[in-house]
Amino acid sequence: MYALVTVLSALLFVLILRRLKRKRVCLDPKRLDGKTVLITDGTSGIGKETAIALAKRGARVIITTQDEEKGEVALRQIKRESVSMNVKLMSLNMANLQSIREFCKDFLQKEKRLDILINNAGVPAVLAWTDNGFSMCFGVNHLGTFLLTNLLTERLKSCSPSRVITVTSDVHKYQRLDFTDLNYNIVPLFSYCRSKLANIYFSQELARQMERHGVTSCAVHPGYVAGDWTLQFSILFRIVMYVITSMFFISFKEGTQSVIHCAVSDDILQHNGGYFSDCKPCRLRPHAQDTGIAKKLWEISEIMVDLSSSDLTSPPETSRTARI
């Protein structure tokens, strides 16, 4: 009897775990022929899986990388699995503002369209500093994303209706922004949570500013994905985390579904500035819906990255070409 109860309990536990891990799947069959998609850090994880999925739908996909060798390997894999040659690799270091400016200049010169921007690049909870002296989490996850998106805004407008999808995380709800110390870099997890909250505010304020221009913005929580972030820790820690992630975390392909949904579904058009998870809009906690904080963060971010009005103006000939 004891053995039977043990077995039944184990089965129930497994069923509960599967239920917790179950994620929605993007069922929208829409193709993206003629559309150009830019995915920052599309060489691994969710970025790479998203690139494969959207390339299969006919999109021209451009992925970025800081590691050229790793990028070439990923590029070949994406082309092979998507059966598409319309995939391109470009160099970009999101921890360096000058690299972002140079990338955007190069992109605008070479690419005539930008229909979907997927701000996927990000760093985990680490104690490090960017080349410009910002905490790595805030500097890459928010400021890098903020600058890159703003520098590409005119191209997004000229290709409207267009979309900006910013990958965030559910952990944003565990912290608040401290405007006296946005460069906070003491407890790694807290830094990460704050940077993901900044992603939420950024997405909301971008939606407010770009709505009349036909640019839709949303933030996406892909789920708790079993990634390779544990590689920086000890073997024992990695073994423990492997067991935990196997039970509770989802795969990259599963985590990609909400991003794909926001890239193709018209559902997001009525939720501009919204927050998505499991391929559906989700409610945010009150502190993550403060428009005043979102606007203040935007204004301070402009100063931190030294964003000027000249940065936001595309060369006239480039804009005309993009409209053809």
Protein backbone atom coordinates (compact mmCIF):
# COMPACT_ATOMS: atom_id res chain seq x y z
CA MET A 1 0.00 0.00 0.00
CA TYR A 2 2.84 2.35 0.91
CA ALA A 3 4.56 1.62 -2.41
CA LEU A 4 1.34 2.34 -4.35
CA VAL A 5 0.85 5.67 -2.59
CA THR A 6 4.48 6.58 -3.32
CA VAL A 7 4.10 5.77 -7.02
CA LEU A 8 0.82 7.66 -7.31
CA SER A 9 2.31 10.65 -5.51
CA ALA A 10 5.29 10.62 -7.85
CA LEU A 11 3.00 10.48 -10.89
CA LEU A 12 0.92 13.35 -9.53
CA PHE A 13 4.09 15.36 -8.95
CA VAL A 14 5.22 14.78 -12.53
CA LEU A 15 1.80 15.80 -13.87
CA ILE A 16 1.91 19.00 -11.81
CA LEU A 17 5.38 19.80 -13.16
CA ARG A 18 4.23 19.24 -16.72
CA ARG A 19 1.24 21.47 -16.10
CA LEU A 20 3.50 24.20 -14.74
CA LYS A 21 5.80 23.93 -17.75
CA ARG A 22 3.03 23.84 -20.34
CA LYS A 23 3.21 26.84 -22.61
CA ARG A 24 0.95 28.11 -25.33
CA VAL A 25 2.01 27.68 -28.94
CA CYS A 26 1.73 30.37 -31.60
CA LEU A 27 -0.93 29.05 -34.00
CA ASP A 28 -1.06 32.09 -36.30
CA PRO A 29 0.05 30.87 -39.77
CA LYS A 30 0.83 34.35 -41.14
CA ARG A 31 3.83 34.57 -43.44
CA LEU A 32 6.32 37.44 -43.50
CA ASP A 33 7.35 37.49 -47.15
CA GLY A 34 8.87 40.85 -48.06
CA LYS A 35 9.36 41.81 -44.41
CA THR A 36 12.72 42.51 -42.77
CA VAL A 37 13.28 41.40 -39.18
CA LEU A 38 16.21 42.49 -37.01
CA ILE A 39 16.99 40.32 -33.98
CA THR A 40 19.69 41.51 -31.60
CA ASP A 41 21.89 38.67 -30.40
CA GLY A 42 20.25 36.09 -32.63
CA THR A 43 23.07 33.55 -32.43
CA SER A 44 21.83 31.47 -29.51
CA GLY A 45 18.87 30.65 -27.34
CA ILE A 46 15.58 32.41 -27.97
CA GLY A 47 17.14 34.74 -30.52
CA LYS A 48 18.36 31.91 -32.73
CA GLU A 49 15.12 29.94 -32.48
CA THR A 50 13.15 33.06 -33.35
CA ALA A 51 15.39 33.69 -36.35
CA ILE A 52 14.78 30.14 -37.60
CA ALA A 53 11.01 30.41 -37.12
CA LEU A 54 10.65 33.79 -38.86
CA ALA A 55 12.98 32.84 -41.70
CA LYS A 56 10.73 29.82 -42.31
CA ARG A 57 7.85 32.28 -42.69
CA GLY A 58 9.65 34.03 -45.53
CA ALA A 59 11.13 37.02 -43.69
CA ARG A 60 14.53 38.50 -44.41
CA VAL A 61 16.19 37.98 -41.03
CA ILE A 62 19.20 39.89 -39.75
CA ILE A 63 20.87 38.73 -36.56
CA THR A 64 23.61 40.46 -34.59
CA THR A 65 26.58 39.09 -32.72
CA GLN A 66 29.61 40.25 -30.79
CA ASP A 67 31.47 37.01 -31.50
CA GLU A 68 32.05 36.67 -35.25
CA GLU A 69 33.11 33.01 -35.08
CA LYS A 70 30.11 32.00 -33.02
CA GLY A 71 27.91 34.10 -35.28
CA GLU A 72 29.04 32.33 -38.45
CA VAL A 73 28.26 28.95 -36.91
CA ALA A 74 24.80 30.14 -35.87
CA LEU A 75 24.19 31.70 -39.28
CA ARG A 76 24.86 28.41 -41.04
CA GLN A 77 22.56 26.57 -38.64
CA ILE A 78 19.73 29.08 -39.07
CA LYS A 79 19.98 28.88 -42.86
CA ARG A 80 20.04 25.09 -42.75
CA GLU A 81 17.10 24.64 -40.37
CA SER A 82 14.94 27.35 -41.93
CA VAL A 83 15.83 26.32 -45.50
CA SER A 84 16.33 29.99 -46.24
CA MET A 85 19.33 31.87 -47.58
CA ASN A 86 17.75 35.22 -46.75
CA VAL A 87 19.50 35.46 -43.37
CA LYS A 88 22.31 37.91 -42.63
CA LEU A 89 24.80 38.39 -39.80
CA MET A 90 25.99 41.79 -38.57
CA SER A 91 28.45 42.73 -35.84
CA LEU A 92 27.19 44.56 -32.74
CA ASN A 93 28.43 45.02 -29.19
CA MET A 94 25.47 46.05 -27.04
CA ALA A 95 27.79 46.96 -24.16
CA ASN A 96 29.37 49.76 -26.21
CA LEU A 97 27.35 52.81 -27.27
CA GLN A 98 29.73 53.64 -30.11
CA SER A 99 29.33 50.13 -31.50
CA ILE A 100 25.55 50.59 -31.42
CA ARG A 101 25.83 53.88 -33.30
CA GLU A 102 28.13 52.38 -35.92
CA PHE A 103 25.88 49.36 -36.33
CA CYS A 104 22.78 51.50 -36.87
CA LYS A 105 24.58 53.68 -39.41
CA ASP A 106 25.72 50.58 -41.28
CA PHE A 107 22.26 49.01 -41.08
CA LEU A 108 20.49 52.08 -42.41
CA GLN A 109 22.90 52.32 -45.32
CA LYS A 110 22.61 48.66 -46.32
CA GLU A 111 19.02 47.73 -45.43
CA LYS A 112 16.06 49.45 -47.06
CA ARG A 113 13.41 48.05 -44.72
CA LEU A 114 12.86 47.34 -41.04
CA ASP A 115 9.42 45.91 -40.32
CA ILE A 116 10.05 44.08 -37.05
CA LEU A 117 12.71 44.90 -34.47
CA ILE A 118 13.17 42.25 -31.79
CA ASN A 119 15.20 43.57 -28.87
CA ASN A 120 16.40 40.19 -27.66
CA ALA A 121 19.98 40.97 -26.58
CA GLY A 122 20.53 40.93 -22.85
CA VAL A 123 22.86 39.78 -20.11
CA PRO A 124 22.01 37.72 -17.00
CA ALA A 125 22.53 38.77 -13.41
CA VAL A 126 26.22 39.72 -13.45
CA LEU A 127 28.41 42.23 -11.64
CA ALA A 128 30.28 43.93 -14.45
CA TRP A 129 30.50 47.24 -16.27
CA THR A 130 29.96 48.26 -19.87
CA ASP A 131 32.60 50.04 -21.92
CA ASN A 132 30.82 53.31 -21.12
CA GLY A 133 30.83 52.79 -17.36
CA PHE A 134 27.26 51.61 -16.84
CA SER A 135 26.33 48.55 -14.81
CA MET A 136 26.24 45.67 -17.29
CA CYS A 137 22.58 44.73 -16.70
CA PHE A 138 21.20 48.24 -16.96
CA GLY A 139 23.67 49.29 -19.64
CA VAL A 140 22.97 46.40 -22.02
CA ASN A 141 19.43 45.35 -21.17
CA HIS A 142 17.99 48.86 -21.10
CA LEU A 143 20.33 51.60 -22.32
CA GLY A 144 21.67 49.59 -25.26
CA THR A 145 18.15 48.64 -26.30
CA PHE A 146 16.97 52.22 -25.81
CA LEU A 147 19.69 53.73 -28.00
CA LEU A 148 19.46 51.14 -30.77
CA THR A 149 15.68 51.44 -31.04
CA ASN A 150 15.78 55.23 -31.14
CA LEU A 151 18.44 55.26 -33.85
CA LEU A 152 16.26 52.97 -35.98
CA THR A 153 12.98 54.75 -35.27
CA GLU A 154 12.78 56.65 -38.57
CA ARG A 155 13.20 53.45 -40.56
CA LEU A 156 10.48 51.76 -38.51
CA LYS A 157 8.17 54.71 -39.19
CA SER A 158 8.85 54.64 -42.93
CA CYS A 159 7.99 50.91 -43.03
CA SER A 160 4.83 51.18 -40.93
CA PRO A 161 2.88 49.31 -39.85
CA SER A 162 5.91 48.00 -38.02
CA ARG A 163 6.63 46.46 -34.64
CA VAL A 164 9.15 46.62 -31.80
CA ILE A 165 9.25 43.59 -29.52
CA THR A 166 11.33 43.85 -26.37
CA VAL A 167 12.16 40.68 -24.49
CA THR A 168 11.79 41.22 -20.75
CA SER A 169 11.17 38.93 -17.79
CA ASP A 170 8.55 38.23 -15.16
CA VAL A 171 11.15 39.02 -12.48
CA HIS A 172 10.59 42.73 -13.17
CA LYS A 173 7.89 42.67 -10.50
CA TYR A 174 10.36 42.04 -7.68
CA GLN A 175 12.14 45.40 -7.82
CA ARG A 176 11.52 49.13 -8.23
CA LEU A 177 13.66 51.67 -10.05
CA ASP A 178 15.74 54.00 -7.91
CA PHE A 179 16.33 57.18 -9.89
CA THR A 180 19.06 58.22 -7.48
CA ASP A 181 21.01 55.09 -8.44
CA LEU A 182 19.97 53.77 -11.85
CA ASN A 183 23.48 52.42 -12.21
CA TYR A 184 22.94 50.14 -9.20
CA ASN A 185 25.40 47.23 -9.33
CA ILE A 186 25.59 45.56 -5.93
CA VAL A 187 23.28 42.53 -5.84
CA PRO A 188 23.34 40.95 -9.34
CA LEU A 189 19.79 39.62 -9.21
CA PHE A 190 18.41 43.00 -8.15
CA SER A 191 20.27 44.70 -11.01
CA TYR A 192 18.79 42.23 -13.46
CA CYS A 193 15.25 42.68 -12.13
CA ARG A 194 15.53 46.46 -12.40
CA SER A 195 16.80 46.27 -15.97
CA LYS A 196 13.84 44.09 -16.93
CA LEU A 197 11.46 46.56 -15.29
CA ALA A 198 13.13 49.28 -17.33
CA ASN A 199 12.31 47.22 -20.44
CA ILE A 200 8.64 47.36 -19.47
CA TYR A 201 8.65 51.14 -19.03
CA PHE A 202 10.61 51.60 -22.27
CA SER A 203 8.12 49.52 -24.24
CA GLN A 204 5.19 51.48 -22.84
CA GLU A 205 6.65 54.92 -23.50
CA LEU A 206 7.77 53.86 -26.98
CA ALA A 207 4.19 52.79 -27.72
CA ARG A 208 2.88 56.16 -26.55
CA GLN A 209 5.33 58.12 -28.72
CA MET A 210 5.09 55.96 -31.83
CA GLU A 211 1.39 55.08 -31.93
CA ARG A 212 0.44 57.81 -34.41
CA HIS A 213 3.31 56.71 -36.65
CA GLY A 214 2.06 53.14 -37.05
CA VAL A 215 4.73 51.54 -34.85
CA THR A 216 3.42 49.01 -32.32
CA SER A 217 5.49 48.23 -29.24
CA CYS A 218 5.15 45.40 -26.75
CA ALA A 219 7.18 43.65 -24.07
CA VAL A 220 7.38 39.87 -23.91
CA HIS A 221 8.12 37.47 -21.06
CA PRO A 222 9.19 34.28 -22.87
CA GLY A 223 8.92 32.15 -19.75
CA TYR A 224 11.64 30.74 -17.54
CA VAL A 225 13.95 29.26 -20.13
CA ALA A 226 16.69 26.75 -19.43
CA GLY A 227 19.66 28.61 -20.87
CA ASP A 228 23.44 28.47 -20.60
CA TRP A 229 23.76 31.22 -17.99
CA THR A 230 24.99 28.71 -15.38
CA LEU A 231 28.27 28.17 -17.27
CA GLN A 232 29.92 30.94 -15.26
CA PHE A 233 29.38 29.03 -11.99
CA SER A 234 30.94 25.94 -10.41
CA ILE A 235 30.26 22.40 -11.63
CA LEU A 236 28.30 21.53 -8.47
CA PHE A 237 26.05 24.55 -8.88
CA ARG A 238 25.51 23.69 -12.55
CA ILE A 239 24.49 20.14 -11.66
CA VAL A 240 21.98 21.37 -9.08
CA MET A 241 20.58 23.95 -11.50
CA TYR A 242 20.34 21.35 -14.26
CA VAL A 243 18.04 19.25 -12.08
CA ILE A 244 15.92 22.27 -11.17
CA THR A 245 15.68 23.66 -14.71
CA SER A 246 14.81 20.22 -16.08
CA MET A 247 11.77 20.13 -13.81
CA PHE A 248 10.54 23.71 -13.92
CA PHE A 249 12.06 25.52 -16.90
CA ILE A 250 11.08 25.37 -20.56
CA SER A 251 13.08 24.88 -23.74
CA PHE A 252 14.23 27.64 -26.08
CA LYS A 253 11.65 26.61 -28.68
CA GLU A 254 8.86 26.88 -26.13
CA GLY A 255 10.17 30.24 -24.95
CA THR A 256 10.19 31.50 -28.52
CA GLN A 257 6.44 31.08 -29.01
CA SER A 258 5.35 34.34 -27.38
CA VAL A 259 7.96 36.30 -29.32
CA ILE A 260 6.77 34.75 -32.59
CA HIS A 261 3.16 35.48 -31.63
CA CYS A 262 3.95 39.17 -31.13
CA ALA A 263 5.85 39.27 -34.41
CA VAL A 264 3.01 37.89 -36.54
CA SER A 265 -0.34 38.15 -34.75
CA ASP A 266 -2.63 41.14 -35.22
CA ASP A 267 -3.78 40.58 -31.64
CA ILE A 268 -1.03 42.86 -30.37
CA LEU A 269 -2.32 45.82 -32.37
CA GLN A 270 -5.07 46.39 -29.82
CA HIS A 271 -2.60 46.05 -26.95
CA ASN A 272 0.00 48.63 -27.95
CA GLY A 273 2.47 48.99 -25.09
CA GLY A 274 1.22 45.72 -23.64
CA TYR A 275 2.98 42.94 -21.82
CA PHE A 276 2.69 39.43 -23.27
CA SER A 277 3.37 35.94 -21.98
CA ASP A 278 2.11 32.53 -23.13
CA CYS A 279 0.99 34.16 -26.41
CA LYS A 280 -1.55 36.38 -24.68
CA PRO A 281 -1.64 39.83 -23.03
CA CYS A 282 -1.07 39.79 -19.28
CA ARG A 283 -1.79 42.27 -16.52
CA LEU A 284 1.07 44.11 -14.89
CA ARG A 285 1.34 45.10 -11.26
CA PRO A 286 0.43 48.75 -10.60
CA HIS A 287 4.04 49.91 -10.13
CA ALA A 288 4.91 48.63 -13.62
CA GLN A 289 2.17 50.74 -15.24
CA ASP A 290 3.25 54.16 -14.02
CA THR A 291 3.33 56.42 -17.09
CA GLY A 292 5.08 59.13 -15.11
CA ILE A 293 7.99 56.84 -14.27
CA ALA A 294 8.11 55.57 -17.87
CA LYS A 295 8.40 59.11 -19.21
CA LYS A 296 11.00 60.10 -16.61
CA LEU A 297 13.11 57.03 -17.39
CA TRP A 298 12.95 57.86 -21.10
CA GLU A 299 14.14 61.43 -20.53
CA ILE A 300 16.98 60.37 -18.25
CA SER A 301 18.00 57.61 -20.66
CA GLU A 302 18.31 60.19 -23.45
CA ILE A 303 20.84 62.05 -21.32
CA MET A 304 22.72 58.91 -20.28
CA VAL A 305 23.27 57.75 -23.88
CA ASP A 306 23.74 61.33 -25.17
CA LEU A 307 20.88 61.05 -27.64
CA SER A 308 20.50 64.19 -29.75
CA SER A 309 17.91 65.28 -32.30
CA SER A 310 20.45 64.75 -35.09
CA ASP A 311 20.70 61.08 -34.08
CA LEU A 312 17.00 60.62 -34.78
CA THR A 313 17.01 61.99 -38.32
CA SER A 314 17.66 59.59 -41.19
CA PRO A 315 19.31 60.89 -44.38
CA PRO A 316 16.51 62.02 -46.74
CA GLU A 317 17.58 59.72 -49.58
CA THR A 318 17.54 56.71 -47.27
CA SER A 319 14.02 57.41 -46.06
CA ARG A 320 12.70 57.85 -49.60
CA THR A 321 14.19 54.55 -50.67
CA ALA A 322 12.64 52.80 -47.68
CA ARG A 323 9.17 53.93 -48.72
CA ILE A 324 9.30 52.34 -52.15
